[in-house]
Amino acid sequence: MNVRRFFEDDGAVSPAVSVVLMVAVTVVLATTIGTFVLGFEDRVSEPQPNAQFAFEYREDAMDADGDHGRVDEAVNITHDGGQAVEATQLRVTIDGVVAYENGRINESGPSKPYPQHFTGSNEGWTGEITADDRIVITENEETVYDSIRDGDVVRVVWTAPGSDDTAVVGESEVSL
């Protein structure tokens, strides 16, 4: 066997490498062009924000009128660090019922089995929500049904702009 021939003859290596490179370039170009031609570029959404949320629950001894006749439960949610998030991209659900959406507290929710209403303060959750911004969601004293109960799951859901893609960025179980 002539081993010296392998070191001196470069002719067979060059065409093989060229073919592999050309196939790789063709595949990359076809994938890129196909993405835009078929309209997939609008489905490529931005990644969910890296934001942390802290949850605090309280059972007030008095209602808004100062009466001891009714107990109103409340959920405090605080942006606890990480990236800022636009208020219009967040939704808060309590046991599956939307309590906050589009930058405001949802004061008229669906029936379950009675109309659920929430009140509260969301001054800190308007525009861009940053660290230490807080929202307080309280059950409305006018409702017969407890809107916030022990064991309910509270979720902060982020929605990608211009898309239906969502991600849960905060979750906690009510503990009163």
C-alpha atoms as a PDB file:
ATOM      1  CA  MET A   1       0.000   0.000   0.000  1.00  0.00           C
ATOM      2  CA  ASN A   2       1.324   3.385  -0.965  1.00  0.00           C
ATOM      3  CA  VAL A   3       0.793   5.561   2.133  1.00  0.00           C
ATOM      4  CA  ARG A   4       2.645   8.470   0.633  1.00  0.00           C
ATOM      5  CA  ARG A   5      -0.117   8.908  -1.963  1.00  0.00           C
ATOM      6  CA  PHE A   6      -2.626  10.006   0.725  1.00  0.00           C
ATOM      7  CA  PHE A   7      -0.411  12.894   1.778  1.00  0.00           C
ATOM      8  CA  GLU A   8       0.327  14.128  -1.719  1.00  0.00           C
ATOM      9  CA  ASP A   9      -3.085  13.701  -3.428  1.00  0.00           C
ATOM     10  CA  ASP A  10      -5.578  16.390  -2.319  1.00  0.00           C
ATOM     11  CA  GLY A  11      -7.919  15.947  -5.274  1.00  0.00           C
ATOM     12  CA  ALA A  12     -10.470  13.604  -3.655  1.00  0.00           C
ATOM     13  CA  VAL A  13     -10.905  15.619  -0.450  1.00  0.00           C
ATOM     14  CA  SER A  14     -11.751  18.968  -2.007  1.00  0.00           C
ATOM     15  CA  PRO A  15     -14.872  17.919  -4.004  1.00  0.00           C
ATOM     16  CA  ALA A  16     -16.325  16.008  -1.028  1.00  0.00           C
ATOM     17  CA  VAL A  17     -15.959  18.987   1.312  1.00  0.00           C
ATOM     18  CA  SER A  18     -17.423  21.308  -1.313  1.00  0.00           C
ATOM     19  CA  VAL A  19     -20.520  19.141  -1.757  1.00  0.00           C
ATOM     20  CA  VAL A  20     -21.156  18.965   2.002  1.00  0.00           C
ATOM     21  CA  LEU A  21     -20.799  22.737   2.388  1.00  0.00           C
ATOM     22  CA  MET A  22     -23.093  23.449  -0.565  1.00  0.00           C
ATOM     23  CA  VAL A  23     -25.790  21.130   0.816  1.00  0.00           C
ATOM     24  CA  ALA A  24     -25.568  22.790   4.254  1.00  0.00           C
ATOM     25  CA  VAL A  25     -25.844  26.299   2.774  1.00  0.00           C
ATOM     26  CA  THR A  26     -28.811  25.221   0.631  1.00  0.00           C
ATOM     27  CA  VAL A  27     -30.659  23.770   3.648  1.00  0.00           C
ATOM     28  CA  VAL A  28     -30.111  26.927   5.719  1.00  0.00           C
ATOM     29  CA  LEU A  29     -31.286  29.194   2.894  1.00  0.00           C
ATOM     30  CA  ALA A  30     -34.335  27.035   2.170  1.00  0.00           C
ATOM     31  CA  THR A  31     -35.338  27.070   5.841  1.00  0.00           C
ATOM     32  CA  THR A  32     -34.960  30.843   6.141  1.00  0.00           C
ATOM     33  CA  ILE A  33     -36.869  31.586   2.949  1.00  0.00           C
ATOM     34  CA  GLY A  34     -39.562  29.040   3.832  1.00  0.00           C
ATOM     35  CA  THR A  35     -40.129  30.664   7.211  1.00  0.00           C
ATOM     36  CA  PHE A  36     -40.926  34.026   5.643  1.00  0.00           C
ATOM     37  CA  VAL A  37     -42.798  32.735   2.583  1.00  0.00           C
ATOM     38  CA  LEU A  38     -45.083  30.503   4.645  1.00  0.00           C
ATOM     39  CA  GLY A  39     -45.740  33.248   7.211  1.00  0.00           C
ATOM     40  CA  PHE A  40     -44.173  31.667  10.266  1.00  0.00           C
ATOM     41  CA  GLU A  41     -42.236  34.799  11.202  1.00  0.00           C
ATOM     42  CA  ASP A  42     -45.240  36.221  13.066  1.00  0.00           C
ATOM     43  CA  ARG A  43     -45.388  33.079  15.202  1.00  0.00           C
ATOM     44  CA  VAL A  44     -41.890  33.602  16.496  1.00  0.00           C
ATOM     45  CA  SER A  45     -42.692  35.567  19.637  1.00  0.00           C
ATOM     46  CA  GLU A  46     -40.529  37.210  22.210  1.00  0.00           C
ATOM     47  CA  PRO A  47     -39.526  35.128  25.224  1.00  0.00           C
ATOM     48  CA  GLN A  48     -41.435  35.511  28.467  1.00  0.00           C
ATOM     49  CA  PRO A  49     -40.030  38.089  30.873  1.00  0.00           C
ATOM     50  CA  ASN A  50     -37.827  37.017  33.727  1.00  0.00           C
ATOM     51  CA  ALA A  51     -39.866  38.625  36.512  1.00  0.00           C
ATOM     52  CA  GLN A  52     -40.594  37.400  40.034  1.00  0.00           C
ATOM     53  CA  PHE A  53     -43.793  38.056  41.961  1.00  0.00           C
ATOM     54  CA  ALA A  54     -44.452  37.816  45.710  1.00  0.00           C
ATOM     55  CA  PHE A  55     -47.921  36.942  47.030  1.00  0.00           C
ATOM     56  CA  GLU A  56     -49.411  37.942  50.372  1.00  0.00           C
ATOM     57  CA  TYR A  57     -52.902  37.080  51.602  1.00  0.00           C
ATOM     58  CA  ARG A  58     -54.910  38.728  54.324  1.00  0.00           C
ATOM     59  CA  GLU A  59     -58.282  38.378  55.929  1.00  0.00           C
ATOM     60  CA  ASP A  60     -59.427  41.824  57.025  1.00  0.00           C
ATOM     61  CA  ALA A  61     -61.440  42.068  60.221  1.00  0.00           C
ATOM     62  CA  MET A  62     -63.560  44.917  58.844  1.00  0.00           C
ATOM     63  CA  ASP A  63     -65.184  45.631  55.529  1.00  0.00           C
ATOM     64  CA  ALA A  64     -64.770  48.910  53.635  1.00  0.00           C
ATOM     65  CA  ASP A  65     -67.533  50.549  55.740  1.00  0.00           C
ATOM     66  CA  GLY A  66     -65.731  49.742  58.972  1.00  0.00           C
ATOM     67  CA  ASP A  67     -68.275  47.074  59.942  1.00  0.00           C
ATOM     68  CA  HIS A  68     -67.277  43.844  61.585  1.00  0.00           C
ATOM     69  CA  GLY A  69     -70.246  42.098  59.976  1.00  0.00           C
ATOM     70  CA  ARG A  70     -68.364  40.943  56.868  1.00  0.00           C
ATOM     71  CA  VAL A  71     -64.836  39.755  56.231  1.00  0.00           C
ATOM     72  CA  ASP A  72     -63.152  40.759  52.971  1.00  0.00           C
ATOM     73  CA  GLU A  73     -60.182  38.703  51.843  1.00  0.00           C
ATOM     74  CA  ALA A  74     -57.421  40.350  49.847  1.00  0.00           C
ATOM     75  CA  VAL A  75     -54.482  39.333  47.681  1.00  0.00           C
ATOM     76  CA  ASN A  76     -51.388  41.551  47.490  1.00  0.00           C
ATOM     77  CA  ILE A  77     -49.125  40.829  44.525  1.00  0.00           C
ATOM     78  CA  THR A  78     -45.777  42.608  44.342  1.00  0.00           C
ATOM     79  CA  HIS A  79     -43.285  42.654  41.461  1.00  0.00           C
ATOM     80  CA  ASP A  80     -40.381  41.246  43.435  1.00  0.00           C
ATOM     81  CA  GLY A  81     -37.570  41.737  40.919  1.00  0.00           C
ATOM     82  CA  GLY A  82     -36.420  40.905  37.436  1.00  0.00           C
ATOM     83  CA  GLN A  83     -37.464  42.467  34.151  1.00  0.00           C
ATOM     84  CA  ALA A  84     -40.108  45.166  33.861  1.00  0.00           C
ATOM     85  CA  VAL A  85     -43.434  44.079  32.343  1.00  0.00           C
ATOM     86  CA  GLU A  86     -46.126  46.110  30.594  1.00  0.00           C
ATOM     87  CA  ALA A  87     -49.391  46.143  32.571  1.00  0.00           C
ATOM     88  CA  THR A  88     -51.409  45.395  29.441  1.00  0.00           C
ATOM     89  CA  GLN A  89     -49.480  42.129  29.020  1.00  0.00           C
ATOM     90  CA  LEU A  90     -50.478  40.739  32.438  1.00  0.00           C
ATOM     91  CA  ARG A  91     -53.625  39.018  33.636  1.00  0.00           C
ATOM     92  CA  VAL A  92     -54.293  37.828  37.190  1.00  0.00           C
ATOM     93  CA  THR A  93     -56.679  34.947  37.761  1.00  0.00           C
ATOM     94  CA  ILE A  94     -58.035  33.772  41.092  1.00  0.00           C
ATOM     95  CA  ASP A  95     -59.319  30.213  40.936  1.00  0.00           C
ATOM     96  CA  GLY A  96     -59.633  30.617  37.149  1.00  0.00           C
ATOM     97  CA  VAL A  97     -61.598  33.885  37.306  1.00  0.00           C
ATOM     98  CA  VAL A  98     -59.962  36.959  35.758  1.00  0.00           C
ATOM     99  CA  ALA A  99     -59.391  39.524  38.519  1.00  0.00           C
ATOM    100  CA  TYR A 100     -57.003  41.875  36.667  1.00  0.00           C
ATOM    101  CA  GLU A 101     -56.610  42.435  32.937  1.00  0.00           C
ATOM    102  CA  ASN A 102     -55.661  45.186  30.479  1.00  0.00           C
ATOM    103  CA  GLY A 103     -54.162  47.353  33.203  1.00  0.00           C
ATOM    104  CA  ARG A 104     -57.184  47.390  35.527  1.00  0.00           C
ATOM    105  CA  ILE A 105     -58.986  45.320  38.132  1.00  0.00           C
ATOM    106  CA  ASN A 106     -61.863  43.376  36.613  1.00  0.00           C
ATOM    107  CA  GLU A 107     -64.797  44.570  38.680  1.00  0.00           C
ATOM    108  CA  SER A 108     -67.404  42.546  36.814  1.00  0.00           C
ATOM    109  CA  GLY A 109     -66.529  38.908  36.393  1.00  0.00           C
ATOM    110  CA  PRO A 110     -68.396  35.818  35.265  1.00  0.00           C
ATOM    111  CA  SER A 111     -70.904  33.940  37.412  1.00  0.00           C
ATOM    112  CA  LYS A 112     -69.750  31.104  39.620  1.00  0.00           C
ATOM    113  CA  PRO A 113     -72.611  30.576  40.795  1.00  0.00           C
ATOM    114  CA  TYR A 114     -73.119  34.223  41.797  1.00  0.00           C
ATOM    115  CA  PRO A 115     -71.624  37.302  40.127  1.00  0.00           C
ATOM    116  CA  GLN A 116     -68.061  37.783  41.300  1.00  0.00           C
ATOM    117  CA  HIS A 117     -66.692  41.238  41.726  1.00  0.00           C
ATOM    118  CA  PHE A 118     -63.289  42.404  42.766  1.00  0.00           C
ATOM    119  CA  THR A 119     -62.184  45.785  44.004  1.00  0.00           C
ATOM    120  CA  GLY A 120     -58.825  47.035  45.076  1.00  0.00           C
ATOM    121  CA  SER A 121     -55.979  49.286  44.149  1.00  0.00           C
ATOM    122  CA  ASN A 122     -53.830  48.927  41.060  1.00  0.00           C
ATOM    123  CA  GLU A 123     -52.078  52.308  40.970  1.00  0.00           C
ATOM    124  CA  GLY A 124     -48.739  50.488  40.948  1.00  0.00           C
ATOM    125  CA  TRP A 125     -49.757  48.226  38.077  1.00  0.00           C
ATOM    126  CA  THR A 126     -50.284  50.701  35.267  1.00  0.00           C
ATOM    127  CA  GLY A 127     -47.891  51.323  32.395  1.00  0.00           C
ATOM    128  CA  GLU A 128     -44.607  49.565  33.043  1.00  0.00           C
ATOM    129  CA  ILE A 129     -44.542  47.362  36.139  1.00  0.00           C
ATOM    130  CA  THR A 130     -41.155  47.318  37.843  1.00  0.00           C
ATOM    131  CA  ALA A 131     -39.714  46.048  41.134  1.00  0.00           C
ATOM    132  CA  ASP A 132     -41.776  46.902  44.243  1.00  0.00           C
ATOM    133  CA  ASP A 133     -44.903  47.846  42.219  1.00  0.00           C
ATOM    134  CA  ARG A 134     -47.914  46.301  43.954  1.00  0.00           C
ATOM    135  CA  ILE A 135     -51.541  45.500  43.258  1.00  0.00           C
ATOM    136  CA  VAL A 136     -54.167  44.777  45.924  1.00  0.00           C
ATOM    137  CA  ILE A 137     -57.173  42.725  44.825  1.00  0.00           C
ATOM    138  CA  THR A 138     -59.996  42.548  47.357  1.00  0.00           C
ATOM    139  CA  GLU A 139     -63.265  40.701  47.111  1.00  0.00           C
ATOM    140  CA  ASN A 140     -66.161  43.101  46.809  1.00  0.00           C
ATOM    141  CA  GLU A 141     -68.270  43.246  49.971  1.00  0.00           C
ATOM    142  CA  GLU A 142     -71.415  43.356  47.811  1.00  0.00           C
ATOM    143  CA  THR A 143     -71.020  39.756  46.623  1.00  0.00           C
ATOM    144  CA  VAL A 144     -72.617  36.840  48.414  1.00  0.00           C
ATOM    145  CA  TYR A 145     -70.046  34.389  47.097  1.00  0.00           C
ATOM    146  CA  ASP A 146     -66.508  34.339  48.485  1.00  0.00           C
ATOM    147  CA  SER A 147     -64.334  35.389  45.551  1.00  0.00           C
ATOM    148  CA  ILE A 148     -61.077  34.663  47.378  1.00  0.00           C
ATOM    149  CA  ARG A 149     -60.937  31.455  49.420  1.00  0.00           C
ATOM    150  CA  ASP A 150     -58.354  29.326  51.141  1.00  0.00           C
ATOM    151  CA  GLY A 151     -56.844  26.916  48.603  1.00  0.00           C
ATOM    152  CA  ASP A 152     -57.643  29.007  45.498  1.00  0.00           C
ATOM    153  CA  VAL A 153     -54.801  29.279  42.996  1.00  0.00           C
ATOM    154  CA  VAL A 154     -53.690  32.794  42.039  1.00  0.00           C
ATOM    155  CA  ARG A 155     -51.819  33.082  38.735  1.00  0.00           C
ATOM    156  CA  VAL A 156     -50.051  35.981  37.046  1.00  0.00           C
ATOM    157  CA  VAL A 157     -50.224  35.235  33.315  1.00  0.00           C
ATOM    158  CA  TRP A 158     -48.121  37.056  30.714  1.00  0.00           C
ATOM    159  CA  THR A 159     -49.320  37.388  27.102  1.00  0.00           C
ATOM    160  CA  ALA A 160     -46.838  37.975  24.278  1.00  0.00           C
ATOM    161  CA  PRO A 161     -47.573  41.176  22.343  1.00  0.00           C
ATOM    162  CA  GLY A 162     -49.356  40.561  19.038  1.00  0.00           C
ATOM    163  CA  SER A 163     -49.803  36.882  19.830  1.00  0.00           C
ATOM    164  CA  ASP A 164     -51.943  34.401  21.719  1.00  0.00           C
ATOM    165  CA  ASP A 165     -48.874  32.910  23.402  1.00  0.00           C
ATOM    166  CA  THR A 166     -49.102  33.002  27.199  1.00  0.00           C
ATOM    167  CA  ALA A 167     -46.926  31.937  30.099  1.00  0.00           C
ATOM    168  CA  VAL A 168     -47.554  31.750  33.833  1.00  0.00           C
ATOM    169  CA  VAL A 169     -44.924  34.033  35.398  1.00  0.00           C
ATOM    170  CA  GLY A 170     -46.221  33.809  38.969  1.00  0.00           C
ATOM    171  CA  GLU A 171     -48.372  31.320  40.863  1.00  0.00           C
ATOM    172  CA  SER A 172     -49.396  30.810  44.469  1.00  0.00           C
ATOM    173  CA  GLU A 173     -52.080  29.125  46.540  1.00  0.00           C
ATOM    174  CA  VAL A 174     -54.275  31.287  48.794  1.00  0.00           C
ATOM    175  CA  SER A 175     -53.506  30.693  52.455  1.00  0.00           C
ATOM    176  CA  LEU A 176     -55.650  32.753  54.817  1.00  0.00           C
END
